[in-house]
Amino acid sequence: MSVQLPLLVTGIAGVAGYNAFQYFRGRFPGQVIGMRRVNNWPLSGDGIEPCDMYDREQLQRLFDKYEFRSVLNGEGTCALRACELDPPQARKINVQGINTLLDVIEQSDTRLVHVSIDLVFSGVRDGGYKETCPTDPVTIYGKTMVEAEDAIFTRRPQSCILRMSLPMGVSFNGHAGAIDWIQSRFQKNKPATLYFDEVRTPTYTSCLNKVFETVLANDMSGLYHSGGTRTLSLYEIAQIVNRIGGYDPDNLMGCSRIDAGPIPPRAGNVTMNSKLLGDALGFEPFDPWPFYDGHVPTHRQWHYERPADEPGSPKLLAETLYLNPRSNHIER
């Protein structure tokens, strides 16, 4: 089976969407369109269309123009603080948007694969969330993502929902992803404070792209967790960026979530068990992030250790944290 074309990739301002758009454009030249919000004018180029997904007329015109047979939906606002301060806007983008998309494709056989997030969970338990675990988000972002999932379950159950964690890859503006934000602080010689007790299962975007393609091409339906094979706290992720990038270790600060303030509230251990996805696909879809075991922190001062044979540099970071060394044939 193969992906039914043309393909629409939404949410290309985000890391997962941007990398998926670039990947599918390479795989299927001239058959893939990326959608970004109208006000995000800096994101432009061949194959990119401005459209607010919650605007029925705009979205219908886009579908009339291209007659999409598949949609990879990564649209959504994930800015935690902004969502807390303006819940109606968060629901407009995250919930009204998906309902409008469902309206537009209602009478068609368009294949829909929807990308959700691990933050539909609170993390009050010790991680390892399965698809059968009840959702209990602590943020407006997480709550609206649950509402979006519920809309798809109810209105288009033949769709496939993939809950991801932190996608690790480049972004269009250098600020959209976890690596981007952390590295931007260190590049400016500014401190970055991350949490000891918010724990995630990050994933290389190259691995996610292969999952997206496989699921778009088959008839899998329902919900699947799509988290990586390593569990890391946000503080540990920042340690990795700091040391592998060769940045000043004094600029990394750590604290517990309770010390971070009430807005936005922070989830705890939201690591996901993705065995169901691997069983359905018939292969292990994710390499660990970071790929090399030697790049995994062993204690809270680990980032101060700078081995002579690997002093760290932005180049090394780009080759091993943004890119998957296995798929890019980088040997050590």
Protein backbone atom coordinates (compact mmCIF):
# COMPACT_ATOMS: atom_id res chain seq x y z
CA MET A 1 0.00 0.00 0.00
CA SER A 2 1.11 3.58 -0.58
CA VAL A 3 0.09 7.04 0.58
CA GLN A 4 -2.97 8.30 -1.30
CA LEU A 5 -2.06 11.59 -2.97
CA PRO A 6 -2.32 14.55 -2.94
CA LEU A 7 -1.37 14.88 0.74
CA LEU A 8 -2.05 17.84 3.02
CA VAL A 9 0.28 18.36 5.99
CA THR A 10 -1.08 20.88 8.50
CA GLY A 11 0.70 22.54 11.39
CA ILE A 12 3.99 22.99 9.55
CA ALA A 13 5.04 25.75 11.95
CA GLY A 14 5.67 23.02 14.52
CA VAL A 15 8.67 20.73 14.56
CA ALA A 16 6.80 17.53 13.71
CA GLY A 17 4.75 19.15 10.95
CA TYR A 18 7.68 21.03 9.42
CA ASN A 19 9.88 17.96 9.23
CA ALA A 20 7.03 15.80 7.92
CA PHE A 21 6.31 18.37 5.21
CA GLN A 22 9.95 18.40 4.11
CA TYR A 23 10.12 14.61 4.18
CA PHE A 24 6.96 14.05 2.14
CA ARG A 25 7.86 16.80 -0.33
CA GLY A 26 11.04 14.86 -1.02
CA ARG A 27 9.19 11.57 -1.31
CA PHE A 28 6.34 12.84 -3.49
CA PRO A 29 7.40 15.98 -5.41
CA GLY A 30 4.52 18.19 -6.47
CA GLN A 31 1.96 16.09 -4.56
CA VAL A 32 2.29 17.51 -1.03
CA ILE A 33 0.96 20.81 0.34
CA GLY A 34 1.88 22.29 3.70
CA MET A 35 -0.61 24.48 5.55
CA ARG A 36 0.28 27.29 7.92
CA ARG A 37 -1.85 29.91 9.64
CA VAL A 38 -2.56 33.10 7.71
CA ASN A 39 -0.73 35.39 10.14
CA ASN A 40 2.46 33.30 10.04
CA TRP A 41 3.71 35.07 6.91
CA PRO A 42 7.44 34.37 7.47
CA LEU A 43 6.73 30.69 6.77
CA SER A 44 6.45 30.69 3.00
CA GLY A 45 7.77 28.85 -0.01
CA ASP A 46 6.94 26.31 -2.65
CA GLY A 47 4.00 24.13 -1.68
CA ILE A 48 3.01 26.19 1.39
CA GLU A 49 -0.54 27.53 1.60
CA PRO A 50 -1.84 30.05 4.19
CA CYS A 51 -5.10 28.87 5.76
CA ASP A 52 -6.70 29.03 9.22
CA MET A 53 -8.13 25.57 9.72
CA TYR A 54 -11.05 26.85 11.81
CA ASP A 55 -12.17 29.02 8.86
CA ARG A 56 -14.59 26.82 6.93
CA GLU A 57 -14.52 28.85 3.71
CA GLN A 58 -10.73 29.01 3.59
CA LEU A 59 -10.34 25.31 4.26
CA GLN A 60 -13.01 24.31 1.75
CA ARG A 61 -11.34 26.40 -0.96
CA LEU A 62 -8.04 24.64 -0.26
CA PHE A 63 -9.66 21.21 -0.55
CA ASP A 64 -11.52 22.24 -3.71
CA LYS A 65 -8.25 23.40 -5.24
CA TYR A 66 -6.15 20.30 -4.49
CA GLU A 67 -8.69 17.50 -3.83
CA PHE A 68 -6.60 15.97 -1.03
CA ARG A 69 -6.89 12.23 -0.54
CA SER A 70 -4.83 12.17 2.68
CA VAL A 71 -4.32 14.56 5.60
CA LEU A 72 -1.59 14.48 8.23
CA ASN A 73 -2.98 16.87 10.82
CA GLY A 74 -0.45 18.47 13.14
CA GLU A 75 -2.24 21.79 13.50
CA GLY A 76 -2.58 23.19 17.00
CA THR A 77 -1.31 25.80 19.39
CA CYS A 78 1.03 24.30 21.98
CA ALA A 79 2.17 27.51 23.71
CA LEU A 80 1.33 26.52 27.27
CA ARG A 81 1.22 29.99 28.82
CA ALA A 82 -0.70 31.54 25.93
CA CYS A 83 -3.30 28.76 26.13
CA GLU A 84 -3.77 29.31 29.87
CA LEU A 85 -4.22 33.05 29.40
CA ASP A 86 -6.60 32.74 26.44
CA PRO A 87 -8.56 29.46 26.57
CA PRO A 88 -11.10 30.54 23.89
CA GLN A 89 -8.30 31.07 21.37
CA ALA A 90 -6.77 27.71 22.29
CA ARG A 91 -10.12 25.99 21.69
CA LYS A 92 -10.62 27.88 18.45
CA ILE A 93 -7.39 26.51 17.03
CA ASN A 94 -7.20 23.09 18.68
CA VAL A 95 -10.88 22.09 18.79
CA GLN A 96 -12.85 24.22 16.35
CA GLY A 97 -10.08 23.62 13.81
CA ILE A 98 -10.37 19.83 13.92
CA ASN A 99 -14.17 19.99 13.81
CA THR A 100 -14.00 22.19 10.73
CA LEU A 101 -11.61 19.72 9.08
CA LEU A 102 -14.02 16.89 9.92
CA ASP A 103 -16.86 18.89 8.36
CA VAL A 104 -14.91 19.40 5.13
CA ILE A 105 -13.91 15.74 4.70
CA GLU A 106 -17.17 14.27 6.06
CA GLN A 107 -18.52 13.03 2.74
CA SER A 108 -15.15 11.85 1.39
CA ASP A 109 -12.88 8.85 1.89
CA THR A 110 -9.92 11.12 2.71
CA ARG A 111 -7.43 9.34 4.97
CA LEU A 112 -6.92 11.26 8.24
CA VAL A 113 -3.96 10.76 10.55
CA HIS A 114 -4.07 13.11 13.54
CA VAL A 115 -1.08 13.97 15.74
CA SER A 116 -1.84 14.45 19.44
CA ILE A 117 0.42 14.77 22.48
CA ASP A 118 1.50 13.11 25.73
CA LEU A 119 0.30 16.15 27.71
CA VAL A 120 -3.23 14.73 27.68
CA PHE A 121 -1.93 13.12 30.89
CA SER A 122 -1.07 14.80 34.18
CA GLY A 123 1.93 12.64 35.03
CA VAL A 124 0.80 12.07 38.61
CA ARG A 125 1.48 8.35 38.19
CA ASP A 126 4.91 6.91 37.46
CA GLY A 127 4.70 7.23 33.68
CA GLY A 128 4.38 4.31 31.30
CA TYR A 129 0.97 5.48 30.10
CA LYS A 130 -0.90 3.11 27.79
CA GLU A 131 -3.66 3.96 25.35
CA THR A 132 -6.24 2.62 27.80
CA CYS A 133 -5.21 5.01 30.59
CA PRO A 134 -7.76 7.76 31.29
CA THR A 135 -6.71 11.26 30.29
CA ASP A 136 -6.34 13.89 33.01
CA PRO A 137 -4.53 16.94 31.57
CA VAL A 138 -3.42 19.79 33.83
CA THR A 139 -3.20 22.45 31.09
CA ILE A 140 -5.67 24.11 28.73
CA TYR A 141 -3.48 22.85 25.90
CA GLY A 142 -3.83 19.27 27.08
CA LYS A 143 -7.57 19.65 27.67
CA THR A 144 -8.16 21.00 24.17
CA MET A 145 -6.11 18.18 22.67
CA VAL A 146 -8.35 15.68 24.49
CA GLU A 147 -11.40 17.46 23.05
CA ALA A 148 -9.89 17.19 19.57
CA GLU A 149 -9.23 13.47 20.05
CA ASP A 150 -12.81 12.94 21.25
CA ALA A 151 -14.19 14.72 18.20
CA ILE A 152 -12.26 12.37 15.90
CA PHE A 153 -13.25 9.26 17.87
CA THR A 154 -16.90 10.29 17.60
CA ARG A 155 -17.11 11.69 14.09
CA ARG A 156 -14.46 9.77 12.11
CA PRO A 157 -13.49 6.55 13.95
CA GLN A 158 -11.72 5.16 10.90
CA SER A 159 -8.99 7.76 11.47
CA CYS A 160 -5.71 7.10 13.27
CA ILE A 161 -4.52 9.21 16.20
CA LEU A 162 -0.83 9.18 17.12
CA ARG A 163 0.10 10.67 20.50
CA MET A 164 3.69 11.84 20.33
CA SER A 165 6.01 13.31 22.94
CA LEU A 166 8.73 15.87 22.17
CA PRO A 167 9.67 15.74 18.46
CA MET A 168 13.40 16.27 18.05
CA GLY A 169 14.35 17.96 14.80
CA VAL A 170 14.90 21.31 13.14
CA SER A 171 12.24 24.01 12.93
CA PHE A 172 11.63 26.64 10.30
CA ASN A 173 12.53 29.57 12.57
CA GLY A 174 15.02 28.07 15.01
CA HIS A 175 12.73 28.61 18.01
CA ALA A 176 9.85 26.15 17.72
CA GLY A 177 11.27 23.02 19.35
CA ALA A 178 12.69 21.85 22.65
CA ILE A 179 16.25 21.78 21.32
CA ASP A 180 15.78 25.15 19.63
CA TRP A 181 14.64 26.98 22.76
CA ILE A 182 17.25 25.47 25.05
CA GLN A 183 20.08 25.99 22.58
CA SER A 184 19.01 29.57 21.85
CA ARG A 185 19.44 30.43 25.54
CA PHE A 186 22.89 28.90 25.69
CA GLN A 187 23.97 30.52 22.41
CA LYS A 188 23.13 33.93 23.90
CA ASN A 189 25.00 33.02 27.11
CA LYS A 190 21.73 33.23 29.03
CA PRO A 191 20.50 30.83 31.71
CA ALA A 192 17.89 28.16 31.00
CA THR A 193 15.86 26.64 33.81
CA LEU A 194 14.36 23.20 33.26
CA TYR A 195 12.45 20.77 35.49
CA PHE A 196 13.83 17.73 37.26
CA ASP A 197 10.42 16.10 37.45
CA GLU A 198 8.74 16.65 34.08
CA VAL A 199 9.62 13.47 32.20
CA ARG A 200 9.00 12.77 28.52
CA THR A 201 9.78 10.23 25.77
CA PRO A 202 11.38 12.34 22.98
CA THR A 203 11.58 11.07 19.42
CA TYR A 204 13.66 11.89 16.36
CA THR A 205 11.48 13.42 13.66
CA SER A 206 13.06 11.07 11.11
CA CYS A 207 11.54 8.14 13.01
CA LEU A 208 8.18 9.90 13.25
CA ASN A 209 8.19 10.56 9.51
CA LYS A 210 8.50 6.86 8.73
CA VAL A 211 5.63 6.10 11.12
CA PHE A 212 3.51 8.81 9.52
CA GLU A 213 4.12 7.40 6.07
CA THR A 214 3.36 3.84 7.12
CA VAL A 215 0.13 4.78 8.89
CA LEU A 216 -1.03 7.10 6.11
CA ALA A 217 -0.59 4.21 3.67
CA ASN A 218 -2.46 1.57 5.68
CA ASP A 219 -5.87 1.36 7.32
CA MET A 220 -4.87 1.44 11.00
CA SER A 221 -7.52 3.18 13.07
CA GLY A 222 -7.86 4.22 16.67
CA LEU A 223 -5.28 5.48 19.13
CA TYR A 224 -1.57 4.69 19.33
CA HIS A 225 1.16 6.07 21.55
CA SER A 226 4.22 7.24 19.65
CA GLY A 227 6.81 8.06 22.29
CA GLY A 228 10.48 7.20 22.08
CA THR A 229 12.40 4.48 23.89
CA ARG A 230 14.33 6.69 26.34
CA THR A 231 12.71 8.47 29.26
CA LEU A 232 14.31 11.83 30.05
CA SER A 233 13.42 14.78 32.25
CA LEU A 234 13.43 18.24 30.74
CA TYR A 235 16.50 18.96 32.85
CA GLU A 236 18.30 15.94 31.41
CA ILE A 237 17.38 17.02 27.89
CA ALA A 238 18.91 20.42 28.63
CA GLN A 239 22.02 18.72 30.03
CA ILE A 240 22.40 16.87 26.74
CA VAL A 241 21.97 20.03 24.65
CA ASN A 242 24.43 21.88 26.89
CA ARG A 243 27.21 19.29 26.83
CA ILE A 244 26.87 18.05 23.24
CA GLY A 245 26.60 21.65 22.02
CA GLY A 246 29.72 22.66 23.97
CA TYR A 247 27.97 25.44 25.89
CA ASP A 248 28.75 27.00 29.28
CA PRO A 249 27.51 24.49 31.91
CA ASP A 250 26.90 27.28 34.43
CA ASN A 251 23.98 28.48 32.33
CA LEU A 252 21.89 25.40 33.04
CA MET A 253 19.62 25.66 36.07
CA GLY A 254 17.23 23.06 37.44
CA CYS A 255 14.19 23.11 39.69
CA SER A 256 11.10 21.12 40.59
CA ARG A 257 7.76 21.86 38.97
CA ILE A 258 6.33 23.14 42.25
CA ASP A 259 8.91 25.93 42.22
CA ALA A 260 8.01 27.08 38.69
CA GLY A 261 4.89 29.10 39.50
CA PRO A 262 1.21 28.46 38.80
CA ILE A 263 1.06 29.53 35.12
CA PRO A 264 1.37 27.42 33.18
CA PRO A 265 0.86 24.33 35.34
CA ARG A 266 3.36 21.59 34.52
CA ALA A 267 2.79 17.89 33.97
CA GLY A 268 4.93 15.29 35.72
CA ASN A 269 6.01 11.94 34.33
CA VAL A 270 4.00 11.60 31.12
CA THR A 271 6.18 8.92 29.53
CA MET A 272 4.23 6.65 27.21
CA ASN A 273 4.29 2.93 26.51
CA SER A 274 4.33 2.61 22.71
CA LYS A 275 4.36 -1.18 22.44
CA LEU A 276 0.92 -1.25 20.82
CA LEU A 277 2.20 0.83 17.90
CA GLY A 278 5.22 -1.41 17.37
CA ASP A 279 3.02 -4.50 17.46
CA ALA A 280 0.63 -2.99 14.89
CA LEU A 281 3.45 -1.93 12.58
CA GLY A 282 5.41 -5.14 12.97
CA PHE A 283 8.69 -3.35 13.79
CA GLU A 284 10.24 -1.11 16.43
CA PRO A 285 9.59 2.35 15.00
CA PHE A 286 11.82 4.47 17.21
CA ASP A 287 15.52 4.73 17.80
CA PRO A 288 16.42 6.18 21.19
CA TRP A 289 16.94 9.93 21.51
CA PRO A 290 19.76 10.68 21.91
CA PHE A 291 21.01 7.81 19.79
CA TYR A 292 24.30 7.25 21.64
CA ASP A 293 24.28 5.86 25.18
CA GLY A 294 27.27 8.06 26.00
CA HIS A 295 25.10 11.13 25.44
CA VAL A 296 22.72 10.20 28.26
CA PRO A 297 23.23 12.01 31.60
CA THR A 298 24.14 9.87 34.59
CA HIS A 299 23.84 12.54 37.30
CA ARG A 300 22.87 16.19 37.74
CA GLN A 301 26.39 17.52 37.20
CA TRP A 302 27.03 15.35 34.14
CA HIS A 303 27.02 18.31 31.76
CA TYR A 304 30.12 19.71 33.46
CA GLU A 305 32.11 16.70 32.29
CA ARG A 306 33.75 17.38 28.92
CA PRO A 307 35.64 14.37 27.54
CA ALA A 308 38.79 15.29 25.66
CA ASP A 309 37.75 13.20 22.67
CA GLU A 310 34.34 14.91 22.45
CA PRO A 311 34.45 18.51 23.64
CA GLY A 312 31.05 19.32 22.17
CA SER A 313 30.06 21.78 19.46
CA PRO A 314 26.98 23.07 17.63
CA LYS A 315 28.05 20.87 14.71
CA LEU A 316 28.06 17.75 16.87
CA LEU A 317 24.68 18.74 18.28
CA ALA A 318 23.22 19.16 14.80
CA GLU A 319 24.58 15.79 13.66
CA THR A 320 23.45 13.76 16.67
CA LEU A 321 20.48 15.53 18.32
CA TYR A 322 18.61 17.17 15.45
CA LEU A 323 19.49 14.31 13.10
CA ASN A 324 19.41 10.60 13.81
CA PRO A 325 22.98 9.31 13.45
CA ARG A 326 21.73 5.91 12.30
CA SER A 327 19.72 7.30 9.38
CA ASN A 328 22.45 9.80 8.51
CA HIS A 329 25.27 7.21 8.63
CA ILE A 330 27.37 9.06 11.21
CA GLU A 331 29.83 6.66 12.81
CA ARG A 332 31.60 6.94 16.17
